[in-house]
mmCIF file of all heavy atoms, coordinates in Angstrom:
data_MODEL
# 
_entry.id   MODEL 
# 
loop_
_atom_site.group_PDB 
_atom_site.id 
_atom_site.type_symbol 
_atom_site.label_atom_id 
_atom_site.label_alt_id 
_atom_site.label_comp_id 
_atom_site.label_asym_id 
_atom_site.label_entity_id 
_atom_site.label_seq_id 
_atom_site.pdbx_PDB_ins_code 
_atom_site.Cartn_x 
_atom_site.Cartn_y 
_atom_site.Cartn_z 
_atom_site.occupancy 
_atom_site.B_iso_or_equiv 
_atom_site.pdbx_formal_charge 
_atom_site.auth_seq_id 
_atom_site.auth_comp_id 
_atom_site.auth_asym_id 
_atom_site.auth_atom_id 
_atom_site.pdbx_PDB_model_num 
ATOM 1   N N   . GLY A 1 1  ? 95.058  -218.646 40.595 1.00 0.00 ? 1  GLY A N   1 
ATOM 2   C CA  . GLY A 1 1  ? 95.785  -217.408 40.644 1.00 0.00 ? 1  GLY A CA  1 
ATOM 3   C C   . GLY A 1 1  ? 96.794  -217.266 39.435 1.00 0.00 ? 1  GLY A C   1 
ATOM 4   O O   . GLY A 1 1  ? 97.226  -218.214 38.963 1.00 0.00 ? 1  GLY A O   1 
ATOM 5   N N   . ARG A 1 2  ? 97.118  -215.996 39.150 1.00 0.00 ? 2  ARG A N   1 
ATOM 6   C CA  . ARG A 1 2  ? 97.920  -215.720 38.000 1.00 0.00 ? 2  ARG A CA  1 
ATOM 7   C C   . ARG A 1 2  ? 99.278  -216.290 38.047 1.00 0.00 ? 2  ARG A C   1 
ATOM 8   O O   . ARG A 1 2  ? 99.697  -216.970 37.014 1.00 0.00 ? 2  ARG A O   1 
ATOM 9   C CB  . ARG A 1 2  ? 97.914  -214.165 37.763 1.00 0.00 ? 2  ARG A CB  1 
ATOM 10  C CG  . ARG A 1 2  ? 98.758  -213.760 36.554 1.00 0.00 ? 2  ARG A CG  1 
ATOM 11  C CD  . ARG A 1 2  ? 98.815  -212.265 36.425 1.00 0.00 ? 2  ARG A CD  1 
ATOM 12  N NE  . ARG A 1 2  ? 97.505  -211.646 36.405 1.00 0.00 ? 2  ARG A NE  1 
ATOM 13  C CZ  . ARG A 1 2  ? 97.340  -210.316 36.242 1.00 0.00 ? 2  ARG A CZ  1 
ATOM 14  N NH1 . ARG A 1 2  ? 98.365  -209.517 36.067 1.00 0.00 ? 2  ARG A NH1 1 
ATOM 15  N NH2 . ARG A 1 2  ? 96.118  -209.834 36.231 1.00 0.00 ? 2  ARG A NH2 1 
ATOM 16  N N   . ALA A 1 3  ? 100.007 -216.055 39.146 1.00 0.00 ? 3  ALA A N   1 
ATOM 17  C CA  . ALA A 1 3  ? 101.363 -216.456 39.177 1.00 0.00 ? 3  ALA A CA  1 
ATOM 18  C C   . ALA A 1 3  ? 101.565 -217.969 39.130 1.00 0.00 ? 3  ALA A C   1 
ATOM 19  O O   . ALA A 1 3  ? 102.445 -218.538 38.486 1.00 0.00 ? 3  ALA A O   1 
ATOM 20  C CB  . ALA A 1 3  ? 102.053 -215.906 40.421 1.00 0.00 ? 3  ALA A CB  1 
ATOM 21  N N   . VAL A 1 4  ? 100.692 -218.690 39.899 1.00 0.00 ? 4  VAL A N   1 
ATOM 22  C CA  . VAL A 1 4  ? 100.732 -220.164 39.898 1.00 0.00 ? 4  VAL A CA  1 
ATOM 23  C C   . VAL A 1 4  ? 100.365 -220.692 38.496 1.00 0.00 ? 4  VAL A C   1 
ATOM 24  O O   . VAL A 1 4  ? 101.084 -221.616 37.978 1.00 0.00 ? 4  VAL A O   1 
ATOM 25  C CB  . VAL A 1 4  ? 99.795  -220.670 40.972 1.00 0.00 ? 4  VAL A CB  1 
ATOM 26  C CG1 . VAL A 1 4  ? 99.774  -222.213 40.911 1.00 0.00 ? 4  VAL A CG1 1 
ATOM 27  C CG2 . VAL A 1 4  ? 100.274 -220.364 42.380 1.00 0.00 ? 4  VAL A CG2 1 
ATOM 28  N N   . ALA A 1 5  ? 99.337  -220.207 37.920 1.00 0.00 ? 5  ALA A N   1 
ATOM 29  C CA  . ALA A 1 5  ? 99.049  -220.622 36.575 1.00 0.00 ? 5  ALA A CA  1 
ATOM 30  C C   . ALA A 1 5  ? 100.119 -220.357 35.623 1.00 0.00 ? 5  ALA A C   1 
ATOM 31  O O   . ALA A 1 5  ? 100.428 -221.264 34.718 1.00 0.00 ? 5  ALA A O   1 
ATOM 32  C CB  . ALA A 1 5  ? 97.710  -219.874 36.140 1.00 0.00 ? 5  ALA A CB  1 
ATOM 33  N N   . LYS A 1 6  ? 100.753 -219.294 35.642 1.00 0.00 ? 6  LYS A N   1 
ATOM 34  C CA  . LYS A 1 6  ? 101.874 -219.000 34.769 1.00 0.00 ? 6  LYS A CA  1 
ATOM 35  C C   . LYS A 1 6  ? 102.995 -220.018 34.975 1.00 0.00 ? 6  LYS A C   1 
ATOM 36  O O   . LYS A 1 6  ? 103.578 -220.547 33.957 1.00 0.00 ? 6  LYS A O   1 
ATOM 37  C CB  . LYS A 1 6  ? 102.405 -217.595 34.957 1.00 0.00 ? 6  LYS A CB  1 
ATOM 38  C CG  . LYS A 1 6  ? 101.572 -216.457 34.313 1.00 0.00 ? 6  LYS A CG  1 
ATOM 39  C CD  . LYS A 1 6  ? 102.138 -215.076 34.622 1.00 0.00 ? 6  LYS A CD  1 
ATOM 40  C CE  . LYS A 1 6  ? 101.364 -214.055 33.875 1.00 0.00 ? 6  LYS A CE  1 
ATOM 41  N NZ  . LYS A 1 6  ? 101.919 -212.685 34.178 1.00 0.00 ? 6  LYS A NZ  1 
ATOM 42  N N   . GLU A 1 7  ? 103.319 -220.299 36.223 1.00 0.00 ? 7  GLU A N   1 
ATOM 43  C CA  . GLU A 1 7  ? 104.382 -221.222 36.433 1.00 0.00 ? 7  GLU A CA  1 
ATOM 44  C C   . GLU A 1 7  ? 104.095 -222.586 35.819 1.00 0.00 ? 7  GLU A C   1 
ATOM 45  O O   . GLU A 1 7  ? 104.928 -223.234 35.134 1.00 0.00 ? 7  GLU A O   1 
ATOM 46  C CB  . GLU A 1 7  ? 104.578 -221.424 37.971 1.00 0.00 ? 7  GLU A CB  1 
ATOM 47  C CG  . GLU A 1 7  ? 105.634 -222.440 38.292 1.00 0.00 ? 7  GLU A CG  1 
ATOM 48  C CD  . GLU A 1 7  ? 105.776 -222.711 39.837 1.00 0.00 ? 7  GLU A CD  1 
ATOM 49  O OE1 . GLU A 1 7  ? 105.278 -221.930 40.548 1.00 0.00 ? 7  GLU A OE1 1 
ATOM 50  O OE2 . GLU A 1 7  ? 106.308 -223.727 40.174 1.00 0.00 ? 7  GLU A OE2 1 
ATOM 51  N N   . TRP A 1 8  ? 102.863 -223.038 36.045 1.00 0.00 ? 8  TRP A N   1 
ATOM 52  C CA  . TRP A 1 8  ? 102.463 -224.375 35.530 1.00 0.00 ? 8  TRP A CA  1 
ATOM 53  C C   . TRP A 1 8  ? 102.509 -224.361 34.026 1.00 0.00 ? 8  TRP A C   1 
ATOM 54  O O   . TRP A 1 8  ? 102.878 -225.310 33.346 1.00 0.00 ? 8  TRP A O   1 
ATOM 55  C CB  . TRP A 1 8  ? 101.065 -224.835 36.033 1.00 0.00 ? 8  TRP A CB  1 
ATOM 56  C CG  . TRP A 1 8  ? 101.094 -225.037 37.543 1.00 0.00 ? 8  TRP A CG  1 
ATOM 57  C CD1 . TRP A 1 8  ? 102.141 -225.143 38.365 1.00 0.00 ? 8  TRP A CD1 1 
ATOM 58  C CD2 . TRP A 1 8  ? 99.930  -225.252 38.368 1.00 0.00 ? 8  TRP A CD2 1 
ATOM 59  N NE1 . TRP A 1 8  ? 101.769 -225.376 39.668 1.00 0.00 ? 8  TRP A NE1 1 
ATOM 60  C CE2 . TRP A 1 8  ? 100.415 -225.480 39.697 1.00 0.00 ? 8  TRP A CE2 1 
ATOM 61  C CE3 . TRP A 1 8  ? 98.537  -225.247 38.068 1.00 0.00 ? 8  TRP A CE3 1 
ATOM 62  C CZ2 . TRP A 1 8  ? 99.548  -225.730 40.748 1.00 0.00 ? 8  TRP A CZ2 1 
ATOM 63  C CZ3 . TRP A 1 8  ? 97.724  -225.509 39.207 1.00 0.00 ? 8  TRP A CZ3 1 
ATOM 64  C CH2 . TRP A 1 8  ? 98.169  -225.729 40.495 1.00 0.00 ? 8  TRP A CH2 1 
ATOM 65  N N   . ILE A 1 9  ? 101.973 -223.294 33.380 1.00 0.00 ? 9  ILE A N   1 
ATOM 66  C CA  . ILE A 1 9  ? 101.951 -223.315 31.873 1.00 0.00 ? 9  ILE A CA  1 
ATOM 67  C C   . ILE A 1 9  ? 103.392 -223.142 31.311 1.00 0.00 ? 9  ILE A C   1 
ATOM 68  O O   . ILE A 1 9  ? 103.688 -223.812 30.368 1.00 0.00 ? 9  ILE A O   1 
ATOM 69  C CB  . ILE A 1 9  ? 100.974 -222.163 31.458 1.00 0.00 ? 9  ILE A CB  1 
ATOM 70  C CG1 . ILE A 1 9  ? 99.534  -222.538 31.811 1.00 0.00 ? 9  ILE A CG1 1 
ATOM 71  C CG2 . ILE A 1 9  ? 101.096 -222.025 29.922 1.00 0.00 ? 9  ILE A CG2 1 
ATOM 72  C CD1 . ILE A 1 9  ? 98.545  -221.399 31.549 1.00 0.00 ? 9  ILE A CD1 1 
ATOM 73  N N   . PHE A 1 10 ? 104.112 -222.238 31.933 1.00 0.00 ? 10 PHE A N   1 
ATOM 74  C CA  . PHE A 1 10 ? 105.500 -221.976 31.381 1.00 0.00 ? 10 PHE A CA  1 
ATOM 75  C C   . PHE A 1 10 ? 106.391 -223.217 31.511 1.00 0.00 ? 10 PHE A C   1 
ATOM 76  O O   . PHE A 1 10 ? 107.265 -223.394 30.622 1.00 0.00 ? 10 PHE A O   1 
ATOM 77  C CB  . PHE A 1 10 ? 106.125 -220.820 32.174 1.00 0.00 ? 10 PHE A CB  1 
ATOM 78  C CG  . PHE A 1 10 ? 105.469 -219.458 31.971 1.00 0.00 ? 10 PHE A CG  1 
ATOM 79  C CD1 . PHE A 1 10 ? 105.883 -218.420 32.712 1.00 0.00 ? 10 PHE A CD1 1 
ATOM 80  C CD2 . PHE A 1 10 ? 104.476 -219.307 30.982 1.00 0.00 ? 10 PHE A CD2 1 
ATOM 81  C CE1 . PHE A 1 10 ? 105.287 -217.156 32.580 1.00 0.00 ? 10 PHE A CE1 1 
ATOM 82  C CE2 . PHE A 1 10 ? 103.915 -218.015 30.818 1.00 0.00 ? 10 PHE A CE2 1 
ATOM 83  C CZ  . PHE A 1 10 ? 104.352 -216.970 31.612 1.00 0.00 ? 10 PHE A CZ  1 
ATOM 84  N N   . THR A 1 11 ? 106.217 -224.006 32.537 1.00 0.00 ? 11 THR A N   1 
ATOM 85  C CA  . THR A 1 11 ? 107.026 -225.158 32.743 1.00 0.00 ? 11 THR A CA  1 
ATOM 86  C C   . THR A 1 11 ? 106.462 -226.429 32.215 1.00 0.00 ? 11 THR A C   1 
ATOM 87  O O   . THR A 1 11 ? 107.097 -227.457 32.327 1.00 0.00 ? 11 THR A O   1 
ATOM 88  C CB  . THR A 1 11 ? 107.296 -225.397 34.261 1.00 0.00 ? 11 THR A CB  1 
ATOM 89  O OG1 . THR A 1 11 ? 106.097 -225.627 34.968 1.00 0.00 ? 11 THR A OG1 1 
ATOM 90  C CG2 . THR A 1 11 ? 108.021 -224.167 34.865 1.00 0.00 ? 11 THR A CG2 1 
ATOM 91  N N   . ALA A 1 12 ? 105.184 -226.410 31.688 1.00 0.00 ? 12 ALA A N   1 
ATOM 92  C CA  . ALA A 1 12 ? 104.510 -227.603 31.223 1.00 0.00 ? 12 ALA A CA  1 
ATOM 93  C C   . ALA A 1 12 ? 104.392 -228.642 32.316 1.00 0.00 ? 12 ALA A C   1 
ATOM 94  O O   . ALA A 1 12 ? 104.449 -229.828 32.099 1.00 0.00 ? 12 ALA A O   1 
ATOM 95  C CB  . ALA A 1 12 ? 105.165 -228.185 29.982 1.00 0.00 ? 12 ALA A CB  1 
ATOM 96  N N   . ARG A 1 13 ? 104.171 -228.174 33.535 1.00 0.00 ? 13 ARG A N   1 
ATOM 97  C CA  . ARG A 1 13 ? 104.200 -229.007 34.726 1.00 0.00 ? 13 ARG A CA  1 
ATOM 98  C C   . ARG A 1 13 ? 102.972 -229.919 34.832 1.00 0.00 ? 13 ARG A C   1 
ATOM 99  O O   . ARG A 1 13 ? 101.871 -229.576 34.448 1.00 0.00 ? 13 ARG A O   1 
ATOM 100 C CB  . ARG A 1 13 ? 104.298 -228.167 36.013 1.00 0.00 ? 13 ARG A CB  1 
ATOM 101 C CG  . ARG A 1 13 ? 104.468 -228.997 37.270 1.00 0.00 ? 13 ARG A CG  1 
ATOM 102 C CD  . ARG A 1 13 ? 104.747 -228.083 38.413 1.00 0.00 ? 13 ARG A CD  1 
ATOM 103 N NE  . ARG A 1 13 ? 104.774 -228.792 39.611 1.00 0.00 ? 13 ARG A NE  1 
ATOM 104 C CZ  . ARG A 1 13 ? 104.873 -228.194 40.840 1.00 0.00 ? 13 ARG A CZ  1 
ATOM 105 N NH1 . ARG A 1 13 ? 104.943 -226.891 40.925 1.00 0.00 ? 13 ARG A NH1 1 
ATOM 106 N NH2 . ARG A 1 13 ? 104.917 -228.919 41.924 1.00 0.00 ? 13 ARG A NH2 1 
ATOM 107 N N   . ARG A 1 14 ? 103.226 -231.151 35.298 1.00 0.00 ? 14 ARG A N   1 
ATOM 108 C CA  . ARG A 1 14 ? 102.172 -232.077 35.517 1.00 0.00 ? 14 ARG A CA  1 
ATOM 109 C C   . ARG A 1 14 ? 101.946 -232.259 36.992 1.00 0.00 ? 14 ARG A C   1 
ATOM 110 O O   . ARG A 1 14 ? 102.954 -232.443 37.804 1.00 0.00 ? 14 ARG A O   1 
ATOM 111 C CB  . ARG A 1 14 ? 102.529 -233.374 34.856 1.00 0.00 ? 14 ARG A CB  1 
ATOM 112 C CG  . ARG A 1 14 ? 102.769 -233.323 33.376 1.00 0.00 ? 14 ARG A CG  1 
ATOM 113 C CD  . ARG A 1 14 ? 102.999 -234.670 32.753 1.00 0.00 ? 14 ARG A CD  1 
ATOM 114 N NE  . ARG A 1 14 ? 103.175 -234.498 31.314 1.00 0.00 ? 14 ARG A NE  1 
ATOM 115 C CZ  . ARG A 1 14 ? 102.992 -235.452 30.382 1.00 0.00 ? 14 ARG A CZ  1 
ATOM 116 N NH1 . ARG A 1 14 ? 102.610 -236.650 30.761 1.00 0.00 ? 14 ARG A NH1 1 
ATOM 117 N NH2 . ARG A 1 14 ? 103.272 -235.288 29.093 1.00 0.00 ? 14 ARG A NH2 1 
ATOM 118 N N   . LEU A 1 15 ? 100.770 -232.226 37.438 1.00 0.00 ? 15 LEU A N   1 
ATOM 119 C CA  . LEU A 1 15 ? 100.392 -232.262 38.867 1.00 0.00 ? 15 LEU A CA  1 
ATOM 120 C C   . LEU A 1 15 ? 99.665  -233.549 39.271 1.00 0.00 ? 15 LEU A C   1 
ATOM 121 O O   . LEU A 1 15 ? 98.831  -233.987 38.496 1.00 0.00 ? 15 LEU A O   1 
ATOM 122 C CB  . LEU A 1 15 ? 99.505  -231.063 39.268 1.00 0.00 ? 15 LEU A CB  1 
ATOM 123 C CG  . LEU A 1 15 ? 100.095 -229.703 39.249 1.00 0.00 ? 15 LEU A CG  1 
ATOM 124 C CD1 . LEU A 1 15 ? 99.916  -229.099 37.876 1.00 0.00 ? 15 LEU A CD1 1 
ATOM 125 C CD2 . LEU A 1 15 ? 99.380  -228.756 40.261 1.00 0.00 ? 15 LEU A CD2 1 
ATOM 126 N N   . GLY A 1 16 ? 99.958  -234.039 40.371 1.00 0.00 ? 16 GLY A N   1 
ATOM 127 C CA  . GLY A 1 16 ? 99.205  -235.186 40.964 1.00 0.00 ? 16 GLY A CA  1 
ATOM 128 C C   . GLY A 1 16 ? 98.016  -234.704 41.631 1.00 0.00 ? 16 GLY A C   1 
ATOM 129 O O   . GLY A 1 16 ? 97.806  -233.476 41.876 1.00 0.00 ? 16 GLY A O   1 
ATOM 130 N N   . ALA A 1 17 ? 97.132  -235.594 42.031 1.00 0.00 ? 17 ALA A N   1 
ATOM 131 C CA  . ALA A 1 17 ? 95.840  -235.218 42.620 1.00 0.00 ? 17 ALA A CA  1 
ATOM 132 C C   . ALA A 1 17 ? 95.968  -234.472 43.932 1.00 0.00 ? 17 ALA A C   1 
ATOM 133 O O   . ALA A 1 17 ? 95.260  -233.507 44.198 1.00 0.00 ? 17 ALA A O   1 
ATOM 134 C CB  . ALA A 1 17 ? 94.993  -236.504 42.822 1.00 0.00 ? 17 ALA A CB  1 
ATOM 135 N N   . ALA A 1 18 ? 96.969  -234.938 44.777 1.00 0.00 ? 18 ALA A N   1 
ATOM 136 C CA  . ALA A 1 18 ? 97.038  -234.291 46.096 1.00 0.00 ? 18 ALA A CA  1 
ATOM 137 C C   . ALA A 1 18 ? 97.481  -232.829 45.881 1.00 0.00 ? 18 ALA A C   1 
ATOM 138 O O   . ALA A 1 18 ? 96.937  -231.906 46.657 1.00 0.00 ? 18 ALA A O   1 
ATOM 139 C CB  . ALA A 1 18 ? 98.143  -235.046 46.862 1.00 0.00 ? 18 ALA A CB  1 
ATOM 140 N N   . GLU A 1 19 ? 98.491  -232.492 45.033 1.00 0.00 ? 19 GLU A N   1 
ATOM 141 C CA  . GLU A 1 19 ? 98.881  -231.137 44.909 1.00 0.00 ? 19 GLU A CA  1 
ATOM 142 C C   . GLU A 1 19 ? 97.800  -230.295 44.225 1.00 0.00 ? 19 GLU A C   1 
ATOM 143 O O   . GLU A 1 19 ? 97.509  -229.146 44.633 1.00 0.00 ? 19 GLU A O   1 
ATOM 144 C CB  . GLU A 1 19 ? 100.112 -231.035 44.053 1.00 0.00 ? 19 GLU A CB  1 
ATOM 145 C CG  . GLU A 1 19 ? 100.599 -229.604 43.899 1.00 0.00 ? 19 GLU A CG  1 
ATOM 146 C CD  . GLU A 1 19 ? 101.960 -229.508 43.127 1.00 0.00 ? 19 GLU A CD  1 
ATOM 147 O OE1 . GLU A 1 19 ? 102.418 -230.483 42.692 1.00 0.00 ? 19 GLU A OE1 1 
ATOM 148 O OE2 . GLU A 1 19 ? 102.422 -228.354 43.081 1.00 0.00 ? 19 GLU A OE2 1 
ATOM 149 N N   . ALA A 1 20 ? 97.042  -230.941 43.296 1.00 0.00 ? 20 ALA A N   1 
ATOM 150 C CA  . ALA A 1 20 ? 95.955  -230.228 42.668 1.00 0.00 ? 20 ALA A CA  1 
ATOM 151 C C   . ALA A 1 20 ? 94.854  -229.839 43.644 1.00 0.00 ? 20 ALA A C   1 
ATOM 152 O O   . ALA A 1 20 ? 94.291  -228.801 43.580 1.00 0.00 ? 20 ALA A O   1 
ATOM 153 C CB  . ALA A 1 20 ? 95.345  -231.099 41.508 1.00 0.00 ? 20 ALA A CB  1 
ATOM 154 N N   . HIS A 1 21 ? 94.634  -230.767 44.624 1.00 0.00 ? 21 HIS A N   1 
ATOM 155 C CA  . HIS A 1 21 ? 93.650  -230.508 45.672 1.00 0.00 ? 21 HIS A CA  1 
ATOM 156 C C   . HIS A 1 21 ? 94.186  -229.399 46.587 1.00 0.00 ? 21 HIS A C   1 
ATOM 157 O O   . HIS A 1 21 ? 93.400  -228.420 46.945 1.00 0.00 ? 21 HIS A O   1 
ATOM 158 C CB  . HIS A 1 21 ? 93.372  -231.735 46.420 1.00 0.00 ? 21 HIS A CB  1 
ATOM 159 C CG  . HIS A 1 21 ? 92.276  -231.602 47.464 1.00 0.00 ? 21 HIS A CG  1 
ATOM 160 N ND1 . HIS A 1 21 ? 92.637  -231.482 48.817 1.00 0.00 ? 21 HIS A ND1 1 
ATOM 161 C CD2 . HIS A 1 21 ? 90.985  -231.498 47.436 1.00 0.00 ? 21 HIS A CD2 1 
ATOM 162 C CE1 . HIS A 1 21 ? 91.493  -231.342 49.552 1.00 0.00 ? 21 HIS A CE1 1 
ATOM 163 N NE2 . HIS A 1 21 ? 90.513  -231.286 48.657 1.00 0.00 ? 21 HIS A NE2 1 
ATOM 164 N N   . ALA A 1 22 ? 95.384  -229.514 46.965 1.00 0.00 ? 22 ALA A N   1 
ATOM 165 C CA  . ALA A 1 22 ? 95.978  -228.482 47.891 1.00 0.00 ? 22 ALA A CA  1 
ATOM 166 C C   . ALA A 1 22 ? 95.952  -227.066 47.265 1.00 0.00 ? 22 ALA A C   1 
ATOM 167 O O   . ALA A 1 22 ? 95.816  -226.047 47.986 1.00 0.00 ? 22 ALA A O   1 
ATOM 168 C CB  . ALA A 1 22 ? 97.387  -228.838 48.211 1.00 0.00 ? 22 ALA A CB  1 
ATOM 169 N N   . ARG A 1 23 ? 96.071  -227.026 45.964 1.00 0.00 ? 23 ARG A N   1 
ATOM 170 C CA  . ARG A 1 23 ? 96.060  -225.669 45.255 1.00 0.00 ? 23 ARG A CA  1 
ATOM 171 C C   . ARG A 1 23 ? 94.685  -225.195 44.852 1.00 0.00 ? 23 ARG A C   1 
ATOM 172 O O   . ARG A 1 23 ? 94.491  -224.116 44.285 1.00 0.00 ? 23 ARG A O   1 
ATOM 173 C CB  . ARG A 1 23 ? 96.930  -225.793 43.972 1.00 0.00 ? 23 ARG A CB  1 
ATOM 174 C CG  . ARG A 1 23 ? 98.414  -225.991 44.237 1.00 0.00 ? 23 ARG A CG  1 
ATOM 175 C CD  . ARG A 1 23 ? 99.102  -224.789 44.737 1.00 0.00 ? 23 ARG A CD  1 
ATOM 176 N NE  . ARG A 1 23 ? 100.478 -224.822 44.696 1.00 0.00 ? 23 ARG A NE  1 
ATOM 177 C CZ  . ARG A 1 23 ? 101.344 -223.781 44.873 1.00 0.00 ? 23 ARG A CZ  1 
ATOM 178 N NH1 . ARG A 1 23 ? 100.820 -222.638 45.243 1.00 0.00 ? 23 ARG A NH1 1 
ATOM 179 N NH2 . ARG A 1 23 ? 102.671 -223.920 44.827 1.00 0.00 ? 23 ARG A NH2 1 
ATOM 180 N N   . GLY A 1 24 ? 93.663  -226.039 45.180 1.00 0.00 ? 24 GLY A N   1 
ATOM 181 C CA  . GLY A 1 24 ? 92.329  -225.605 44.874 1.00 0.00 ? 24 GLY A CA  1 
ATOM 182 C C   . GLY A 1 24 ? 91.862  -225.940 43.410 1.00 0.00 ? 24 GLY A C   1 
ATOM 183 O O   . GLY A 1 24 ? 90.770  -225.464 42.997 1.00 0.00 ? 24 GLY A O   1 
ATOM 184 N N   . LEU A 1 25 ? 92.637  -226.698 42.791 1.00 0.00 ? 25 LEU A N   1 
ATOM 185 C CA  . LEU A 1 25 ? 92.255  -227.121 41.362 1.00 0.00 ? 25 LEU A CA  1 
ATOM 186 C C   . LEU A 1 25 ? 91.217  -228.147 41.358 1.00 0.00 ? 25 LEU A C   1 
ATOM 187 O O   . LEU A 1 25 ? 90.401  -228.175 40.455 1.00 0.00 ? 25 LEU A O   1 
ATOM 188 C CB  . LEU A 1 25 ? 93.564  -227.597 40.620 1.00 0.00 ? 25 LEU A CB  1 
ATOM 189 C CG  . LEU A 1 25 ? 93.414  -227.948 39.175 1.00 0.00 ? 25 LEU A CG  1 
ATOM 190 C CD1 . LEU A 1 25 ? 92.902  -226.725 38.356 1.00 0.00 ? 25 LEU A CD1 1 
ATOM 191 C CD2 . LEU A 1 25 ? 94.775  -228.386 38.614 1.00 0.00 ? 25 LEU A CD2 1 
ATOM 192 N N   . VAL A 1 26 ? 91.239  -229.070 42.272 1.00 0.00 ? 26 VAL A N   1 
ATOM 193 C CA  . VAL A 1 26 ? 90.142  -230.080 42.404 1.00 0.00 ? 26 VAL A CA  1 
ATOM 194 C C   . VAL A 1 26 ? 89.482  -229.981 43.728 1.00 0.00 ? 26 VAL A C   1 
ATOM 195 O O   . VAL A 1 26 ? 90.124  -229.555 44.740 1.00 0.00 ? 26 VAL A O   1 
ATOM 196 C CB  . VAL A 1 26 ? 90.713  -231.513 42.147 1.00 0.00 ? 26 VAL A CB  1 
ATOM 197 C CG1 . VAL A 1 26 ? 91.366  -231.691 40.857 1.00 0.00 ? 26 VAL A CG1 1 
ATOM 198 C CG2 . VAL A 1 26 ? 91.628  -231.916 43.244 1.00 0.00 ? 26 VAL A CG2 1 
ATOM 199 N N   . ASN A 1 27 ? 88.210  -230.309 43.740 1.00 0.00 ? 27 ASN A N   1 
ATOM 200 C CA  . ASN A 1 27 ? 87.416  -230.203 45.011 1.00 0.00 ? 27 ASN A CA  1 
ATOM 201 C C   . ASN A 1 27 ? 87.613  -231.357 45.977 1.00 0.00 ? 27 ASN A C   1 
ATOM 202 O O   . ASN A 1 27 ? 87.590  -231.146 47.207 1.00 0.00 ? 27 ASN A O   1 
ATOM 203 C CB  . ASN A 1 27 ? 85.967  -230.084 44.636 1.00 0.00 ? 27 ASN A CB  1 
ATOM 204 C CG  . ASN A 1 27 ? 85.649  -228.851 43.857 1.00 0.00 ? 27 ASN A CG  1 
ATOM 205 O OD1 . ASN A 1 27 ? 85.791  -228.854 42.619 1.00 0.00 ? 27 ASN A OD1 1 
ATOM 206 N ND2 . ASN A 1 27 ? 85.265  -227.768 44.498 1.00 0.00 ? 27 ASN A ND2 1 
ATOM 207 N N   . ARG A 1 28 ? 87.733  -232.619 45.371 1.00 0.00 ? 28 ARG A N   1 
ATOM 208 C CA  . ARG A 1 28 ? 87.882  -233.765 46.179 1.00 0.00 ? 28 ARG A CA  1 
ATOM 209 C C   . ARG A 1 28 ? 88.781  -234.730 45.564 1.00 0.00 ? 28 ARG A C   1 
ATOM 210 O O   . ARG A 1 28 ? 88.874  -234.788 44.354 1.00 0.00 ? 28 ARG A O   1 
ATOM 211 C CB  . ARG A 1 28 ? 86.463  -234.472 46.472 1.00 0.00 ? 28 ARG A CB  1 
ATOM 212 C CG  . ARG A 1 28 ? 85.523  -233.519 47.170 1.00 0.00 ? 28 ARG A CG  1 
ATOM 213 C CD  . ARG A 1 28 ? 84.209  -234.274 47.481 1.00 0.00 ? 28 ARG A CD  1 
ATOM 214 N NE  . ARG A 1 28 ? 83.236  -233.379 48.127 1.00 0.00 ? 28 ARG A NE  1 
ATOM 215 C CZ  . ARG A 1 28 ? 82.018  -233.676 48.569 1.00 0.00 ? 28 ARG A CZ  1 
ATOM 216 N NH1 . ARG A 1 28 ? 81.636  -235.007 48.470 1.00 0.00 ? 28 ARG A NH1 1 
ATOM 217 N NH2 . ARG A 1 28 ? 81.201  -232.859 49.142 1.00 0.00 ? 28 ARG A NH2 1 
# 
């Protein structure tokens, strides 16, 4: 989604696997 992607790019945020999975970024 647009807003979540903007937040991550604007803040240079790093995500762990669990959050990435919860957000639909990774499948498993």
